[in-house]
Amino acid sequence: MSYMLKLDISRAITALKNGDIIVYPTDTLYGLGADIYNIAAVKKVFKIKKRSFDNPLPVAISDINELEKIAFLNKASRCLARAFLPGRLTLVLRKKSIIPDIVTAGLEKVAVRIPDNKIALELLSKFGPLTATSANIHGKKTPVIIKDISMQFKQKDIGIYLDVGRLAGKPSTIVDASERNIKLVRLGAISEKEILDAIQYG
């Protein structure tokens, strides 16, 4: 059974521990959250989203210390993390073996976010890393309110919805900082100049 909840973090954590999928707020859009270390739960995200298993899932974490646990950082990525996280930046980094291959579709890199959203950060700090893919069927537009999101999924698919109202933030900027020379993968809320300045002066 799905619950429409305002801010029941404890119930969301219980759902995640039970292997359920939750819908939670970020600083851009609502995301589908599953325990990244629970293979069955991660598979469920792919299935209910109708997303190909060869399309890796982004990961949301609570802070830079958590980032060190799951990925390898270099000088550039540290500068970017210090400058923009929490915030609308997704860093693509070389993953550590602790992350199951299903999350990254077998790739050696992982896309990581620290969303600048109080509810998300509380949830992530209390539970741990979650999948951070948008709460929609793959290829469809991501709704900005919970009511419309719930219409895309079956009732049994989602354990809990954490409803904070309308969310329609500009997408994050994605930067591949896995090597010495960074690559701008997608331009979003943070400009290319801001990225380059952070590295140069960080």
Protein backbone atom coordinates (compact mmCIF):
# COMPACT_ATOMS: atom_id res chain seq x y z
CA MET A 1 0.00 0.00 0.00
CA SER A 2 1.27 3.47 -0.88
CA TYR A 3 1.15 6.36 1.55
CA MET A 4 0.92 10.02 0.68
CA LEU A 5 3.06 11.58 3.38
CA LYS A 6 4.36 15.02 4.03
CA LEU A 7 7.54 14.43 5.98
CA ASP A 8 7.48 10.97 7.54
CA ILE A 9 11.19 10.19 7.23
CA SER A 10 11.06 7.29 9.69
CA ARG A 11 8.40 5.48 7.71
CA ALA A 12 10.33 6.07 4.50
CA ILE A 13 13.42 4.51 6.11
CA THR A 14 11.38 1.49 7.20
CA ALA A 15 10.11 1.10 3.63
CA LEU A 16 13.66 1.26 2.25
CA LYS A 17 14.86 -1.34 4.76
CA ASN A 18 12.05 -3.59 3.59
CA GLY A 19 13.31 -3.31 0.02
CA ASP A 20 10.53 -0.98 -1.13
CA ILE A 21 10.88 1.92 -3.55
CA ILE A 22 10.09 5.42 -2.33
CA VAL A 23 9.48 8.72 -4.10
CA TYR A 24 11.43 11.51 -2.43
CA PRO A 25 12.18 15.18 -3.13
CA THR A 26 15.48 16.52 -4.40
CA ASP A 27 16.54 20.06 -5.33
CA THR A 28 15.52 19.47 -8.94
CA LEU A 29 12.67 16.92 -9.25
CA TYR A 30 11.23 13.99 -7.35
CA GLY A 31 13.38 10.86 -7.44
CA LEU A 32 12.84 7.11 -7.19
CA GLY A 33 14.79 5.94 -4.17
CA ALA A 34 16.01 2.42 -3.46
CA ASP A 35 18.81 1.10 -1.25
CA ILE A 36 21.73 0.86 -3.68
CA TYR A 37 23.11 -2.15 -1.78
CA ASN A 38 19.85 -4.11 -2.13
CA ILE A 39 20.08 -5.80 -5.54
CA ALA A 40 16.41 -6.80 -5.61
CA ALA A 41 15.32 -3.24 -4.80
CA VAL A 42 17.57 -1.78 -7.51
CA LYS A 43 16.14 -4.27 -10.04
CA LYS A 44 12.67 -3.11 -9.02
CA VAL A 45 13.61 0.49 -9.91
CA PHE A 46 14.62 -0.58 -13.42
CA LYS A 47 11.44 -2.62 -13.84
CA ILE A 48 8.86 -0.11 -12.60
CA LYS A 49 10.57 2.72 -14.48
CA LYS A 50 10.81 0.51 -17.61
CA ARG A 51 14.44 1.48 -17.88
CA SER A 52 17.00 -0.70 -19.66
CA PHE A 53 19.42 -2.53 -17.35
CA ASP A 54 22.30 -1.19 -19.47
CA ASN A 55 21.38 2.39 -18.52
CA PRO A 56 23.14 3.19 -15.20
CA LEU A 57 21.34 4.77 -12.25
CA PRO A 58 22.59 7.94 -10.55
CA VAL A 59 23.22 7.77 -6.80
CA ALA A 60 22.30 10.32 -4.12
CA ILE A 61 24.36 10.65 -0.93
CA SER A 62 24.32 12.91 2.11
CA ASP A 63 27.81 14.44 2.23
CA ILE A 64 31.37 14.44 0.90
CA ASN A 65 32.50 11.87 3.48
CA GLU A 66 29.98 9.46 1.95
CA LEU A 67 31.36 10.35 -1.47
CA GLU A 68 34.82 9.18 -0.39
CA LYS A 69 33.35 5.79 0.58
CA ILE A 70 31.82 5.02 -2.80
CA ALA A 71 34.05 6.77 -5.36
CA PHE A 72 37.62 7.84 -6.09
CA LEU A 73 38.25 11.59 -5.95
CA ASN A 74 41.00 13.58 -7.64
CA LYS A 75 41.95 17.25 -7.34
CA ALA A 76 39.35 18.46 -9.83
CA SER A 77 36.49 16.47 -8.34
CA ARG A 78 37.39 17.64 -4.83
CA CYS A 79 37.34 21.27 -5.99
CA LEU A 80 33.94 20.79 -7.63
CA ALA A 81 32.51 18.98 -4.62
CA ARG A 82 33.67 21.72 -2.26
CA ALA A 83 32.31 24.46 -4.51
CA PHE A 84 28.90 23.07 -5.44
CA LEU A 85 27.80 20.25 -3.16
CA PRO A 86 25.19 20.01 -1.81
CA GLY A 87 23.77 21.47 -5.00
CA ARG A 88 22.78 20.97 -8.60
CA LEU A 89 25.92 19.18 -9.71
CA THR A 90 26.22 15.52 -10.68
CA LEU A 91 29.78 14.19 -10.57
CA VAL A 92 30.74 11.17 -12.65
CA LEU A 93 33.58 9.40 -10.86
CA ARG A 94 35.39 6.07 -10.82
CA LYS A 95 33.39 3.88 -8.49
CA LYS A 96 34.66 1.80 -5.63
CA SER A 97 33.82 -1.90 -5.53
CA ILE A 98 31.31 -1.35 -2.71
CA ILE A 99 28.76 -0.20 -5.31
CA PRO A 100 26.96 -3.16 -6.91
CA ASP A 101 27.52 -3.47 -10.66
CA ILE A 102 23.76 -3.41 -11.34
CA VAL A 103 23.63 0.23 -10.23
CA THR A 104 26.24 1.31 -12.78
CA ALA A 105 25.19 -1.16 -15.50
CA GLY A 106 28.57 -2.84 -15.15
CA LEU A 107 30.49 0.36 -15.84
CA GLU A 108 33.46 1.47 -13.73
CA LYS A 109 31.99 4.94 -13.20
CA VAL A 110 29.13 6.21 -11.05
CA ALA A 111 27.12 9.42 -11.27
CA VAL A 112 26.72 10.93 -7.81
CA ARG A 113 24.61 13.78 -6.39
CA ILE A 114 24.28 15.49 -3.02
CA PRO A 115 20.90 17.19 -3.41
CA ASP A 116 20.45 20.56 -1.72
CA ASN A 117 17.12 19.61 -0.18
CA LYS A 118 16.59 19.40 3.57
CA ILE A 119 14.29 16.36 3.42
CA ALA A 120 16.54 14.47 1.03
CA LEU A 121 19.65 15.18 3.11
CA GLU A 122 17.95 14.07 6.32
CA LEU A 123 16.78 10.87 4.65
CA LEU A 124 20.19 10.15 3.10
CA SER A 125 22.11 10.90 6.29
CA LYS A 126 19.88 8.58 8.33
CA PHE A 127 19.61 5.75 5.79
CA GLY A 128 22.53 5.91 3.36
CA PRO A 129 22.95 6.12 -0.44
CA LEU A 130 19.87 5.86 -2.62
CA THR A 131 19.17 5.63 -6.32
CA ALA A 132 18.48 9.11 -7.67
CA THR A 133 16.71 8.56 -10.96
CA SER A 134 13.72 10.76 -11.78
CA ALA A 135 10.29 9.57 -10.65
CA ASN A 136 8.75 8.75 -13.99
CA ILE A 137 8.41 6.02 -16.59
CA HIS A 138 11.56 6.09 -18.73
CA GLY A 139 11.07 8.37 -21.72
CA LYS A 140 8.06 10.17 -20.26
CA LYS A 141 8.13 13.66 -18.81
CA THR A 142 8.75 13.78 -15.06
CA PRO A 143 5.67 15.15 -13.28
CA VAL A 144 6.21 17.99 -10.82
CA ILE A 145 3.57 16.96 -8.26
CA ILE A 146 3.08 13.69 -6.40
CA LYS A 147 -0.50 13.17 -7.60
CA ASP A 148 0.69 13.03 -11.23
CA ILE A 149 3.69 10.86 -10.36
CA SER A 150 1.46 8.32 -8.62
CA MET A 151 -0.62 7.98 -11.79
CA GLN A 152 2.42 6.68 -13.71
CA PHE A 153 3.02 3.80 -11.28
CA LYS A 154 0.96 0.94 -9.89
CA GLN A 155 -0.01 1.25 -6.24
CA LYS A 156 2.11 -1.76 -5.29
CA ASP A 157 5.21 -0.32 -6.99
CA ILE A 158 5.86 2.51 -4.52
CA GLY A 159 6.11 2.05 -0.75
CA ILE A 160 5.87 5.72 0.20
CA TYR A 161 5.62 9.14 -1.39
CA LEU A 162 7.27 12.03 0.46
CA ASP A 163 5.22 14.98 -0.70
CA VAL A 164 6.67 18.50 -0.39
CA GLY A 165 4.52 20.08 -3.07
CA ARG A 166 5.50 21.17 -6.56
CA LEU A 167 9.11 20.46 -7.63
CA ALA A 168 10.33 21.70 -10.99
CA GLY A 169 13.95 22.72 -10.57
CA LYS A 170 16.44 23.15 -13.39
CA PRO A 171 18.37 19.90 -14.04
CA SER A 172 21.80 19.42 -12.54
CA THR A 173 24.97 20.02 -14.51
CA ILE A 174 26.76 16.71 -15.11
CA VAL A 175 30.56 16.69 -15.08
CA ASP A 176 32.73 13.63 -15.69
CA ALA A 177 35.63 14.21 -13.30
CA SER A 178 36.88 10.63 -13.31
CA GLU A 179 40.08 11.58 -15.15
CA ARG A 180 42.50 14.50 -14.90
CA ASN A 181 40.75 16.39 -17.70
CA ILE A 182 37.09 16.93 -16.88
CA LYS A 183 34.27 16.56 -19.44
CA LEU A 184 31.04 18.52 -19.36
CA VAL A 185 28.38 15.88 -20.02
CA ARG A 186 25.26 18.01 -19.60
CA LEU A 187 24.86 21.72 -19.02
CA GLY A 188 22.28 22.48 -16.33
CA ALA A 189 21.89 24.77 -13.35
CA ILE A 190 25.65 25.41 -13.03
CA SER A 191 27.38 27.12 -15.96
CA GLU A 192 30.51 25.92 -17.72
CA LYS A 193 32.34 29.06 -16.55
CA GLU A 194 31.42 28.34 -12.91
CA ILE A 195 32.74 24.80 -13.29
CA LEU A 196 36.04 25.90 -14.84
CA ASP A 197 36.50 28.70 -12.30
CA ALA A 198 35.95 26.31 -9.40
CA ILE A 199 38.71 24.03 -10.70
CA GLN A 200 41.10 26.85 -11.53
CA TYR A 201 40.70 28.73 -8.25
CA GLY A 202 39.62 25.90 -5.94
